[in-house]
Amino acid sequence: MANVQQIKDNTLKHIGTSVLFTIVTVIAFGLIYPIVFTGIAQVLFPWQANGELVMRDGKPVGSAIIGQLWTKPQYFQGRPSAAGKGYDPTQTGGTNLGPTSKKLIDATKATIAALKKANPDATIPIPMDLVTSSASGVDPDISPAGAYYQAPRVAKARGLPVATVNALIAKVIQPRTFGFLGDPRVNVLQLNLALDNLH
């Protein structure tokens, strides 16, 4: 009988310890930790902590780290997106289709045909990043070649010399991070806003 009572006491003791541990960890890691680090981020890195919002005339027009769907011919367009219906930040992700997938091959052929139709005056081959979607589906950047490929269309739609548009592209090219990570890139939102500022 003593053993049964001892087992009950030990069980209650362990349950009490488990409940107390759960309460402490929820408060520590579910409340205190996020509040402290959100505060630190707001003080040290406010722009990044708030989504790297890009402002124009005091209003947010997008984020430097989330791509947007651009459809008008006078704007540069980003990579194809498999996120939701395109550039949906709530449904990020790639196609997850393999290189031998008929669906991927057909989609790629359709994208190439659409690019050729929309950019009949392009003078360089279609860059790969304009044909393939990124892993996130919301990549905000394209390669410099991707921008230069679209330059004749954008220049024609805006009534600008191609040389002017090319010079603007060259101005906004971002180099490799720390000089050795990744590749040079062009932020599509930044480039399109710079275009609008020309007028």
N, C-alpha and C. Protein backbone atom coordinates (compact mmCIF):
# COMPACT_ATOMS: atom_id res chain seq x y z
N MET A 1 0.82 -1.20 0.00
CA MET A 1 0.00 0.00 0.00
C MET A 1 0.86 1.26 0.00
N ALA A 2 1.96 1.19 0.71
CA ALA A 2 2.88 2.32 0.78
C ALA A 2 3.47 2.61 -0.59
N ASN A 3 3.75 1.53 -1.33
CA ASN A 3 4.32 1.70 -2.68
C ASN A 3 3.34 2.39 -3.61
N VAL A 4 2.03 2.05 -3.50
CA VAL A 4 1.01 2.68 -4.34
C VAL A 4 0.92 4.17 -4.02
N GLN A 5 0.95 4.51 -2.75
CA GLN A 5 0.89 5.92 -2.34
C GLN A 5 2.11 6.68 -2.83
N GLN A 6 3.25 6.00 -2.75
CA GLN A 6 4.50 6.62 -3.20
C GLN A 6 4.46 6.88 -4.71
N ILE A 7 3.89 5.92 -5.45
CA ILE A 7 3.76 6.09 -6.91
C ILE A 7 2.85 7.27 -7.22
N LYS A 8 1.72 7.37 -6.49
CA LYS A 8 0.79 8.50 -6.68
C LYS A 8 1.47 9.83 -6.38
N ASP A 9 2.23 9.85 -5.29
CA ASP A 9 2.93 11.09 -4.92
C ASP A 9 3.94 11.49 -5.99
N ASN A 10 4.69 10.50 -6.47
CA ASN A 10 5.70 10.77 -7.52
C ASN A 10 5.03 11.24 -8.81
N THR A 11 3.89 10.62 -9.14
CA THR A 11 3.16 11.00 -10.36
C THR A 11 2.68 12.45 -10.26
N LEU A 12 2.09 12.79 -9.12
CA LEU A 12 1.62 14.16 -8.92
C LEU A 12 2.78 15.15 -8.96
N LYS A 13 3.90 14.74 -8.39
CA LYS A 13 5.09 15.60 -8.38
C LYS A 13 5.57 15.85 -9.81
N HIS A 14 5.60 14.78 -10.64
CA HIS A 14 6.05 14.92 -12.03
C HIS A 14 5.07 15.74 -12.86
N ILE A 15 3.77 15.53 -12.61
CA ILE A 15 2.77 16.34 -13.33
C ILE A 15 2.92 17.81 -12.96
N GLY A 16 3.10 18.08 -11.68
CA GLY A 16 3.28 19.47 -11.23
C GLY A 16 4.51 20.10 -11.86
N THR A 17 5.61 19.32 -11.91
CA THR A 17 6.84 19.82 -12.53
C THR A 17 6.63 20.10 -14.02
N SER A 18 5.93 19.18 -14.70
CA SER A 18 5.67 19.34 -16.13
C SER A 18 4.83 20.58 -16.41
N VAL A 19 3.78 20.77 -15.63
CA VAL A 19 2.91 21.94 -15.81
C VAL A 19 3.69 23.23 -15.56
N LEU A 20 4.48 23.26 -14.49
CA LEU A 20 5.28 24.44 -14.17
C LEU A 20 6.30 24.73 -15.27
N PHE A 21 6.96 23.67 -15.77
CA PHE A 21 7.94 23.83 -16.84
C PHE A 21 7.27 24.38 -18.10
N THR A 22 6.09 23.87 -18.43
CA THR A 22 5.35 24.35 -19.61
C THR A 22 5.01 25.82 -19.47
N ILE A 23 4.51 26.22 -18.31
CA ILE A 23 4.14 27.62 -18.09
C ILE A 23 5.37 28.52 -18.21
N VAL A 24 6.47 28.12 -17.60
CA VAL A 24 7.70 28.93 -17.63
C VAL A 24 8.23 29.05 -19.06
N THR A 25 8.27 27.94 -19.80
CA THR A 25 8.82 28.00 -21.16
C THR A 25 7.91 28.79 -22.11
N VAL A 26 6.59 28.67 -21.93
CA VAL A 26 5.67 29.45 -22.78
C VAL A 26 5.86 30.94 -22.52
N ILE A 27 5.97 31.33 -21.27
CA ILE A 27 6.18 32.74 -20.95
C ILE A 27 7.54 33.22 -21.44
N ALA A 28 8.59 32.39 -21.19
CA ALA A 28 9.95 32.80 -21.56
C ALA A 28 10.15 32.86 -23.07
N PHE A 29 9.74 31.79 -23.77
CA PHE A 29 10.03 31.70 -25.20
C PHE A 29 8.86 32.10 -26.10
N GLY A 30 7.67 32.16 -25.54
CA GLY A 30 6.52 32.58 -26.33
C GLY A 30 6.18 34.04 -26.17
N LEU A 31 6.63 34.65 -25.08
CA LEU A 31 6.32 36.06 -24.84
C LEU A 31 7.59 36.92 -24.70
N ILE A 32 8.38 36.61 -23.68
CA ILE A 32 9.54 37.46 -23.38
C ILE A 32 10.56 37.48 -24.52
N TYR A 33 10.95 36.30 -24.99
CA TYR A 33 11.95 36.20 -26.06
C TYR A 33 11.54 36.98 -27.32
N PRO A 34 10.32 36.75 -27.87
CA PRO A 34 9.93 37.52 -29.07
C PRO A 34 9.86 39.02 -28.83
N ILE A 35 9.35 39.43 -27.67
CA ILE A 35 9.24 40.86 -27.38
C ILE A 35 10.62 41.51 -27.30
N VAL A 36 11.54 40.86 -26.61
CA VAL A 36 12.90 41.40 -26.46
C VAL A 36 13.59 41.52 -27.82
N PHE A 37 13.53 40.45 -28.61
CA PHE A 37 14.25 40.48 -29.89
C PHE A 37 13.55 41.36 -30.92
N THR A 38 12.24 41.49 -30.84
CA THR A 38 11.55 42.45 -31.71
C THR A 38 11.98 43.87 -31.36
N GLY A 39 12.09 44.15 -30.06
CA GLY A 39 12.55 45.46 -29.62
C GLY A 39 13.97 45.75 -30.08
N ILE A 40 14.85 44.76 -29.93
CA ILE A 40 16.25 44.93 -30.38
C ILE A 40 16.29 45.18 -31.88
N ALA A 41 15.51 44.40 -32.65
CA ALA A 41 15.49 44.56 -34.10
C ALA A 41 14.98 45.94 -34.49
N GLN A 42 13.95 46.43 -33.80
CA GLN A 42 13.39 47.74 -34.12
C GLN A 42 14.40 48.86 -33.85
N VAL A 43 15.25 48.66 -32.85
CA VAL A 43 16.24 49.69 -32.51
C VAL A 43 17.45 49.62 -33.45
N LEU A 44 17.97 48.40 -33.68
CA LEU A 44 19.19 48.25 -34.46
C LEU A 44 18.97 48.17 -35.97
N PHE A 45 17.88 47.52 -36.39
CA PHE A 45 17.62 47.32 -37.81
C PHE A 45 16.16 47.64 -38.15
N PRO A 46 15.72 48.87 -37.97
CA PRO A 46 14.29 49.19 -38.15
C PRO A 46 13.77 48.93 -39.56
N TRP A 47 14.57 49.26 -40.58
CA TRP A 47 14.11 49.07 -41.96
C TRP A 47 13.90 47.59 -42.27
N GLN A 48 14.87 46.75 -41.88
CA GLN A 48 14.76 45.32 -42.13
C GLN A 48 13.65 44.69 -41.29
N ALA A 49 13.53 45.13 -40.03
CA ALA A 49 12.52 44.56 -39.13
C ALA A 49 11.11 44.85 -39.59
N ASN A 50 10.93 45.90 -40.37
CA ASN A 50 9.59 46.27 -40.85
C ASN A 50 9.35 45.86 -42.30
N GLY A 51 10.14 44.89 -42.79
CA GLY A 51 9.88 44.33 -44.11
C GLY A 51 10.54 45.05 -45.27
N GLU A 52 11.51 45.95 -44.98
CA GLU A 52 12.22 46.69 -46.02
C GLU A 52 11.25 47.35 -47.00
N LEU A 53 10.26 48.04 -46.42
CA LEU A 53 9.25 48.72 -47.24
C LEU A 53 9.86 49.87 -48.03
N VAL A 54 9.46 49.96 -49.29
CA VAL A 54 9.92 51.04 -50.16
C VAL A 54 8.79 52.06 -50.23
N MET A 55 9.12 53.30 -49.93
CA MET A 55 8.12 54.37 -49.86
C MET A 55 8.22 55.29 -51.07
N ARG A 56 7.07 55.82 -51.46
CA ARG A 56 7.03 56.86 -52.49
C ARG A 56 5.95 57.85 -52.10
N ASP A 57 6.33 59.10 -51.98
CA ASP A 57 5.40 60.15 -51.54
C ASP A 57 4.75 59.80 -50.21
N GLY A 58 5.54 59.17 -49.31
CA GLY A 58 5.04 58.84 -47.99
C GLY A 58 4.17 57.60 -47.91
N LYS A 59 4.00 56.89 -49.04
CA LYS A 59 3.17 55.70 -49.04
C LYS A 59 3.99 54.48 -49.46
N PRO A 60 3.74 53.32 -48.83
CA PRO A 60 4.49 52.12 -49.24
C PRO A 60 4.03 51.65 -50.62
N VAL A 61 5.00 51.37 -51.49
CA VAL A 61 4.68 50.88 -52.84
C VAL A 61 5.18 49.45 -53.05
N GLY A 62 5.80 48.88 -52.03
CA GLY A 62 6.31 47.53 -52.14
C GLY A 62 7.40 47.27 -51.14
N SER A 63 8.03 46.12 -51.28
CA SER A 63 9.13 45.74 -50.41
C SER A 63 10.35 45.43 -51.27
N ALA A 64 11.51 45.77 -50.75
CA ALA A 64 12.75 45.49 -51.48
C ALA A 64 13.08 44.01 -51.51
N ILE A 65 12.40 43.22 -50.68
CA ILE A 65 12.72 41.79 -50.60
C ILE A 65 11.59 40.88 -51.08
N ILE A 66 10.50 41.46 -51.57
CA ILE A 66 9.38 40.67 -52.10
C ILE A 66 9.02 41.19 -53.48
N GLY A 67 9.10 40.32 -54.47
CA GLY A 67 8.81 40.71 -55.83
C GLY A 67 7.33 41.01 -56.05
N GLN A 68 7.05 41.68 -57.15
CA GLN A 68 5.68 42.02 -57.51
C GLN A 68 5.43 41.63 -58.96
N LEU A 69 4.17 41.49 -59.30
CA LEU A 69 3.79 41.18 -60.68
C LEU A 69 3.67 42.48 -61.46
N TRP A 70 4.51 42.63 -62.48
CA TRP A 70 4.47 43.81 -63.36
C TRP A 70 4.00 43.34 -64.73
N THR A 71 2.97 43.94 -65.27
CA THR A 71 2.42 43.48 -66.55
C THR A 71 2.46 44.52 -67.66
N LYS A 72 2.55 45.81 -67.30
CA LYS A 72 2.53 46.86 -68.32
C LYS A 72 3.86 46.88 -69.08
N PRO A 73 3.83 47.14 -70.39
CA PRO A 73 5.06 47.09 -71.20
C PRO A 73 6.09 48.14 -70.83
N GLN A 74 5.67 49.22 -70.17
CA GLN A 74 6.62 50.27 -69.80
C GLN A 74 7.38 49.96 -68.52
N TYR A 75 7.14 48.79 -67.95
CA TYR A 75 7.85 48.38 -66.74
C TYR A 75 8.63 47.09 -66.96
N PHE A 76 9.74 46.98 -66.27
CA PHE A 76 10.50 45.73 -66.27
C PHE A 76 9.73 44.69 -65.48
N GLN A 77 9.82 43.46 -65.92
CA GLN A 77 9.11 42.36 -65.27
C GLN A 77 10.11 41.44 -64.59
N GLY A 78 9.66 40.83 -63.50
CA GLY A 78 10.51 39.91 -62.74
C GLY A 78 10.46 38.51 -63.29
N ARG A 79 10.98 37.59 -62.50
CA ARG A 79 10.99 36.18 -62.89
C ARG A 79 9.58 35.61 -62.85
N PRO A 80 9.33 34.53 -63.59
CA PRO A 80 8.04 33.86 -63.44
C PRO A 80 7.86 33.41 -61.99
N SER A 81 6.62 33.41 -61.53
CA SER A 81 6.36 33.07 -60.13
C SER A 81 5.39 31.90 -60.04
N ALA A 82 5.72 30.95 -59.16
CA ALA A 82 4.83 29.82 -58.90
C ALA A 82 4.14 29.99 -57.55
N ALA A 83 4.24 31.17 -56.97
CA ALA A 83 3.63 31.42 -55.66
C ALA A 83 2.18 31.84 -55.83
N GLY A 84 1.27 30.94 -55.52
CA GLY A 84 -0.16 31.23 -55.68
C GLY A 84 -0.46 31.54 -57.13
N LYS A 85 -1.13 32.66 -57.37
CA LYS A 85 -1.41 33.09 -58.74
C LYS A 85 -0.32 34.01 -59.27
N GLY A 86 0.80 34.03 -58.57
CA GLY A 86 1.93 34.85 -58.98
C GLY A 86 2.28 35.88 -57.94
N TYR A 87 3.47 35.76 -57.38
CA TYR A 87 3.99 36.70 -56.38
C TYR A 87 3.09 36.84 -55.17
N ASP A 88 2.49 35.76 -54.73
CA ASP A 88 1.66 35.77 -53.54
C ASP A 88 2.54 35.41 -52.33
N PRO A 89 2.86 36.38 -51.46
CA PRO A 89 3.77 36.11 -50.34
C PRO A 89 3.18 35.17 -49.30
N THR A 90 1.88 34.90 -49.38
CA THR A 90 1.28 33.95 -48.43
C THR A 90 1.35 32.52 -48.93
N GLN A 91 1.80 32.34 -50.19
CA GLN A 91 1.91 30.99 -50.76
C GLN A 91 3.24 30.81 -51.47
N THR A 92 4.31 31.17 -50.80
CA THR A 92 5.62 31.10 -51.43
C THR A 92 6.02 29.66 -51.72
N GLY A 93 6.80 29.51 -52.77
CA GLY A 93 7.30 28.18 -53.13
C GLY A 93 7.53 28.08 -54.62
N GLY A 94 8.31 27.08 -54.99
CA GLY A 94 8.58 26.83 -56.40
C GLY A 94 7.58 25.85 -56.97
N THR A 95 7.83 25.42 -58.20
CA THR A 95 6.91 24.49 -58.85
C THR A 95 7.09 23.07 -58.34
N ASN A 96 8.29 22.75 -57.86
CA ASN A 96 8.64 21.39 -57.43
C ASN A 96 8.52 20.39 -58.57
N LEU A 97 8.64 20.86 -59.80
CA LEU A 97 8.60 19.98 -60.96
C LEU A 97 10.02 19.62 -61.37
N GLY A 98 10.25 18.36 -61.71
CA GLY A 98 11.57 17.89 -62.11
C GLY A 98 11.90 18.32 -63.54
N PRO A 99 13.19 18.23 -63.92
CA PRO A 99 13.61 18.69 -65.25
C PRO A 99 13.01 17.90 -66.41
N THR A 100 12.49 16.70 -66.14
CA THR A 100 11.87 15.92 -67.21
C THR A 100 10.35 16.03 -67.20
N SER A 101 9.81 16.87 -66.34
CA SER A 101 8.36 17.02 -66.23
C SER A 101 7.79 17.68 -67.49
N LYS A 102 6.79 17.03 -68.09
CA LYS A 102 6.16 17.59 -69.29
C LYS A 102 5.49 18.93 -68.97
N LYS A 103 4.90 19.02 -67.79
CA LYS A 103 4.25 20.27 -67.38
C LYS A 103 5.26 21.42 -67.32
N LEU A 104 6.45 21.14 -66.77
CA LEU A 104 7.49 22.16 -66.68
C LEU A 104 8.00 22.52 -68.08
N ILE A 105 8.21 21.53 -68.92
CA ILE A 105 8.71 21.78 -70.27
C ILE A 105 7.70 22.62 -71.06
N ASP A 106 6.42 22.28 -70.96
CA ASP A 106 5.39 23.04 -71.67
C ASP A 106 5.30 24.47 -71.15
N ALA A 107 5.38 24.63 -69.81
CA ALA A 107 5.32 25.97 -69.22
C ALA A 107 6.52 26.81 -69.65
N THR A 108 7.69 26.18 -69.73
CA THR A 108 8.90 26.89 -70.14
C THR A 108 8.80 27.34 -71.59
N LYS A 109 8.29 26.44 -72.45
CA LYS A 109 8.11 26.81 -73.86
C LYS A 109 7.12 27.97 -74.00
N ALA A 110 6.05 27.94 -73.21
CA ALA A 110 5.06 29.02 -73.25
C ALA A 110 5.66 30.33 -72.78
N THR A 111 6.49 30.26 -71.74
CA THR A 111 7.14 31.47 -71.22
C THR A 111 8.09 32.06 -72.25
N ILE A 112 8.86 31.20 -72.93
CA ILE A 112 9.79 31.66 -73.96
C ILE A 112 9.03 32.33 -75.10
N ALA A 113 7.93 31.71 -75.53
CA ALA A 113 7.12 32.28 -76.62
C ALA A 113 6.56 33.64 -76.20
N ALA A 114 6.07 33.74 -74.96
CA ALA A 114 5.51 35.02 -74.48
C ALA A 114 6.59 36.10 -74.41
N LEU A 115 7.79 35.73 -73.97
CA LEU A 115 8.89 36.70 -73.89
C LEU A 115 9.27 37.20 -75.28
N LYS A 116 9.35 36.29 -76.24
CA LYS A 116 9.71 36.69 -77.61
C LYS A 116 8.64 37.61 -78.20
N LYS A 117 7.38 37.31 -77.92
CA LYS A 117 6.29 38.14 -78.44
C LYS A 117 6.29 39.53 -77.80
N ALA A 118 6.55 39.58 -76.48
CA ALA A 118 6.52 40.86 -75.76
C ALA A 118 7.78 41.69 -76.01
N ASN A 119 8.87 41.02 -76.41
CA ASN A 119 10.16 41.71 -76.59
C ASN A 119 10.72 41.46 -77.99
N PRO A 120 10.01 41.88 -79.04
CA PRO A 120 10.47 41.56 -80.40
C PRO A 120 11.76 42.26 -80.79
N ASP A 121 12.10 43.35 -80.10
CA ASP A 121 13.31 44.09 -80.44
C ASP A 121 14.52 43.72 -79.59
N ALA A 122 14.39 42.69 -78.77
CA ALA A 122 15.50 42.27 -77.91
C ALA A 122 16.67 41.82 -78.78
N THR A 123 17.86 42.20 -78.36
CA THR A 123 19.06 41.92 -79.17
C THR A 123 19.95 40.83 -78.58
N ILE A 124 19.60 40.32 -77.39
CA ILE A 124 20.41 39.28 -76.77
C ILE A 124 19.53 38.05 -76.51
N PRO A 125 20.13 36.88 -76.33
CA PRO A 125 19.33 35.69 -76.02
C PRO A 125 18.56 35.86 -74.71
N ILE A 126 17.46 35.14 -74.59
CA ILE A 126 16.64 35.23 -73.37
C ILE A 126 17.45 34.68 -72.19
N PRO A 127 17.65 35.48 -71.14
CA PRO A 127 18.38 34.99 -69.96
C PRO A 127 17.55 33.94 -69.21
N MET A 128 18.24 32.99 -68.61
CA MET A 128 17.58 31.88 -67.94
C MET A 128 16.65 32.32 -66.82
N ASP A 129 17.00 33.39 -66.10
CA ASP A 129 16.17 33.78 -64.96
C ASP A 129 14.81 34.34 -65.38
N LEU A 130 14.66 34.75 -66.64
CA LEU A 130 13.35 35.21 -67.10
C LEU A 130 12.45 34.06 -67.51
N VAL A 131 13.03 32.86 -67.55
CA VAL A 131 12.28 31.67 -67.97
C VAL A 131 11.94 30.77 -66.79
N THR A 132 12.77 30.79 -65.77
CA THR A 132 12.59 29.88 -64.63
C THR A 132 12.16 30.65 -63.39
N SER A 133 11.27 30.03 -62.62
CA SER A 133 10.84 30.66 -61.37
C SER A 133 11.85 30.36 -60.27
N SER A 134 11.85 31.21 -59.25
CA SER A 134 12.76 31.01 -58.13
C SER A 134 12.14 30.02 -57.15
N ALA A 135 12.94 29.59 -56.17
CA ALA A 135 12.45 28.63 -55.18
C ALA A 135 11.36 29.24 -54.31
N SER A 136 11.42 30.55 -54.07
CA SER A 136 10.42 31.20 -53.22
C SER A 136 9.19 31.64 -54.01
N GLY A 137 9.38 31.95 -55.29
CA GLY A 137 8.29 32.47 -56.09
C GLY A 137 8.08 33.96 -55.93
N VAL A 138 8.84 34.60 -55.04
CA VAL A 138 8.69 36.05 -54.82
C VAL A 138 10.05 36.76 -54.90
N ASP A 139 10.94 36.24 -55.72
CA ASP A 139 12.27 36.83 -55.89
C ASP A 139 12.12 38.25 -56.43
N PRO A 140 12.68 39.25 -55.73
CA PRO A 140 12.52 40.64 -56.17
C PRO A 140 13.54 41.06 -57.23
N ASP A 141 14.51 40.20 -57.51
CA ASP A 141 15.62 40.57 -58.38
C ASP A 141 15.64 39.77 -59.68
N ILE A 142 16.25 40.37 -60.68
CA ILE A 142 16.58 39.67 -61.92
C ILE A 142 18.05 39.92 -62.20
N SER A 143 18.61 39.18 -63.13
CA SER A 143 20.00 39.38 -63.50
C SER A 143 20.12 40.65 -64.34
N PRO A 144 21.32 41.24 -64.41
CA PRO A 144 21.50 42.38 -65.31
C PRO A 144 21.11 42.02 -66.75
N ALA A 145 21.44 40.80 -67.18
CA ALA A 145 21.08 40.37 -68.54
C ALA A 145 19.56 40.35 -68.70
N GLY A 146 18.84 39.95 -67.64
CA GLY A 146 17.38 39.94 -67.68
C GLY A 146 16.82 41.34 -67.86
N ALA A 147 17.49 42.32 -67.27
CA ALA A 147 17.06 43.72 -67.44
C ALA A 147 17.41 44.24 -68.83
N TYR A 148 18.64 43.97 -69.28
CA TYR A 148 19.06 44.45 -70.60
C TYR A 148 18.21 43.83 -71.71
N TYR A 149 17.78 42.59 -71.52
CA TYR A 149 16.93 41.93 -72.52
C TYR A 149 15.62 42.70 -72.70
N GLN A 150 15.07 43.23 -71.61
CA GLN A 150 13.78 43.92 -71.66
C GLN A 150 13.90 45.41 -72.02
N ALA A 151 15.12 45.92 -72.02
CA ALA A 151 15.33 47.35 -72.22
C ALA A 151 14.70 47.90 -73.51
N PRO A 152 14.84 47.24 -74.67
CA PRO A 152 14.22 47.81 -75.88
C PRO A 152 12.70 47.96 -75.77
N ARG A 153 12.03 46.99 -75.16
CA ARG A 153 10.57 47.08 -75.00
C ARG A 153 10.20 48.26 -74.10
N VAL A 154 10.89 48.37 -72.95
CA VAL A 154 10.59 49.43 -72.00
C VAL A 154 10.88 50.80 -72.62
N ALA A 155 12.01 50.90 -73.32
CA ALA A 155 12.37 52.17 -73.96
C ALA A 155 11.33 52.59 -75.00
N LYS A 156 10.88 51.62 -75.79
CA LYS A 156 9.88 51.91 -76.83
C LYS A 156 8.56 52.34 -76.20
N ALA A 157 8.13 51.65 -75.14
CA ALA A 157 6.85 51.97 -74.48
C ALA A 157 6.88 53.34 -73.82
N ARG A 158 8.07 53.79 -73.42
CA ARG A 158 8.20 55.08 -72.73
C ARG A 158 8.69 56.19 -73.65
N GLY A 159 9.01 55.85 -74.89
CA GLY A 159 9.51 56.87 -75.81
C GLY A 159 10.89 57.37 -75.42
N LEU A 160 11.71 56.46 -74.90
CA LEU A 160 13.06 56.83 -74.48
C LEU A 160 14.10 56.14 -75.36
N PRO A 161 15.29 56.71 -75.48
CA PRO A 161 16.37 55.99 -76.17
C PRO A 161 16.77 54.75 -75.36
N VAL A 162 17.08 53.68 -76.06
CA VAL A 162 17.51 52.45 -75.37
C VAL A 162 18.76 52.73 -74.54
N ALA A 163 19.63 53.60 -75.04
CA ALA A 163 20.86 53.92 -74.30
C ALA A 163 20.55 54.52 -72.94
N THR A 164 19.50 55.33 -72.86
CA THR A 164 19.10 55.94 -71.58
C THR A 164 18.65 54.87 -70.60
N VAL A 165 17.84 53.93 -71.08
CA VAL A 165 17.35 52.85 -70.22
C VAL A 165 18.51 51.95 -69.80
N ASN A 166 19.41 51.64 -70.72
CA ASN A 166 20.57 50.81 -70.38
C ASN A 166 21.46 51.47 -69.33
N ALA A 167 21.61 52.80 -69.45
CA ALA A 167 22.42 53.53 -68.47
C ALA A 167 21.78 53.46 -67.09
N LEU A 168 20.45 53.53 -67.05
CA LEU A 168 19.73 53.42 -65.78
C LEU A 168 19.91 52.03 -65.16
N ILE A 169 19.86 51.01 -66.00
CA ILE A 169 20.08 49.64 -65.51
C ILE A 169 21.47 49.53 -64.90
N ALA A 170 22.46 50.04 -65.61
CA ALA A 170 23.84 49.96 -65.12
C ALA A 170 23.99 50.65 -63.77
N LYS A 171 23.21 51.72 -63.57
CA LYS A 171 23.30 52.49 -62.33
C LYS A 171 22.74 51.73 -61.13
N VAL A 172 21.72 50.87 -61.36
CA VAL A 172 21.07 50.21 -60.23
C VAL A 172 21.53 48.76 -60.02
N ILE A 173 22.49 48.30 -60.81
CA ILE A 173 22.99 46.93 -60.60
C ILE A 173 23.64 46.83 -59.23
N GLN A 174 23.21 45.85 -58.46
CA GLN A 174 23.79 45.60 -57.14
C GLN A 174 24.88 44.54 -57.28
N PRO A 175 26.08 44.80 -56.74
CA PRO A 175 27.17 43.83 -56.88
C PRO A 175 26.95 42.61 -55.99
N ARG A 176 27.82 41.66 -56.09
CA ARG A 176 27.77 40.48 -55.23
C ARG A 176 27.86 40.89 -53.77
N THR A 177 27.10 40.22 -52.93
CA THR A 177 27.13 40.52 -51.50
C THR A 177 28.52 40.23 -50.95
N PHE A 178 29.09 41.21 -50.25
CA PHE A 178 30.45 41.14 -49.70
C PHE A 178 31.49 40.89 -50.78
N GLY A 179 31.14 41.08 -52.03
CA GLY A 179 32.09 40.92 -53.11
C GLY A 179 32.28 39.51 -53.62
N PHE A 180 31.66 38.51 -52.94
CA PHE A 180 31.89 37.14 -53.41
C PHE A 180 30.65 36.23 -53.29
N LEU A 181 29.59 36.69 -52.63
CA LEU A 181 28.39 35.85 -52.48
C LEU A 181 27.36 36.18 -53.55
N GLY A 182 26.82 35.15 -54.19
CA GLY A 182 25.77 35.35 -55.18
C GLY A 182 26.29 35.98 -56.46
N ASP A 183 25.38 36.55 -57.22
CA ASP A 183 25.71 37.18 -58.50
C ASP A 183 25.21 38.63 -58.50
N PRO A 184 25.74 39.45 -59.40
CA PRO A 184 25.17 40.80 -59.54
C PRO A 184 23.69 40.69 -59.88
N ARG A 185 22.90 41.66 -59.41
CA ARG A 185 21.45 41.57 -59.58
C ARG A 185 20.85 42.96 -59.71
N VAL A 186 19.61 42.97 -60.18
CA VAL A 186 18.87 44.22 -60.33
C VAL A 186 17.54 44.05 -59.60
N ASN A 187 17.25 44.95 -58.66
CA ASN A 187 15.98 44.92 -57.97
C ASN A 187 14.93 45.54 -58.90
N VAL A 188 13.91 44.75 -59.26
CA VAL A 188 12.93 45.19 -60.26
C VAL A 188 12.14 46.40 -59.78
N LEU A 189 11.73 46.40 -58.52
CA LEU A 189 10.99 47.55 -57.99
C LEU A 189 11.83 48.81 -58.03
N GLN A 190 13.07 48.72 -57.59
CA GLN A 190 13.96 49.88 -57.59
C GLN A 190 14.16 50.40 -59.02
N LEU A 191 14.33 49.50 -59.97
CA LEU A 191 14.55 49.90 -61.36
C LEU A 191 13.30 50.59 -61.93
N ASN A 192 12.14 50.04 -61.65
CA ASN A 192 10.90 50.64 -62.17
C ASN A 192 10.62 52.00 -61.55
N LEU A 193 10.91 52.14 -60.26
CA LEU A 193 10.74 53.45 -59.63
C LEU A 193 11.72 54.46 -60.19
N ALA A 194 12.94 54.02 -60.46
CA ALA A 194 13.94 54.91 -61.07
C ALA A 194 13.48 55.35 -62.47
N LEU A 195 12.84 54.44 -63.18
CA LEU A 195 12.30 54.78 -64.51
C LEU A 195 11.22 55.86 -64.40
N ASP A 196 10.33 55.68 -63.44
CA ASP A 196 9.26 56.66 -63.25
C ASP A 196 9.84 58.03 -62.88
N ASN A 197 10.94 58.02 -62.16
CA ASN A 197 11.56 59.29 -61.75
C ASN A 197 12.23 60.04 -62.90
N LEU A 198 12.44 59.36 -64.04
CA LEU A 198 13.04 60.02 -65.18
C LEU A 198 12.10 61.08 -65.78
N HIS A 199 10.80 60.85 -65.60
CA HIS A 199 9.82 61.79 -66.19
C HIS A 199 9.50 62.87 -65.18
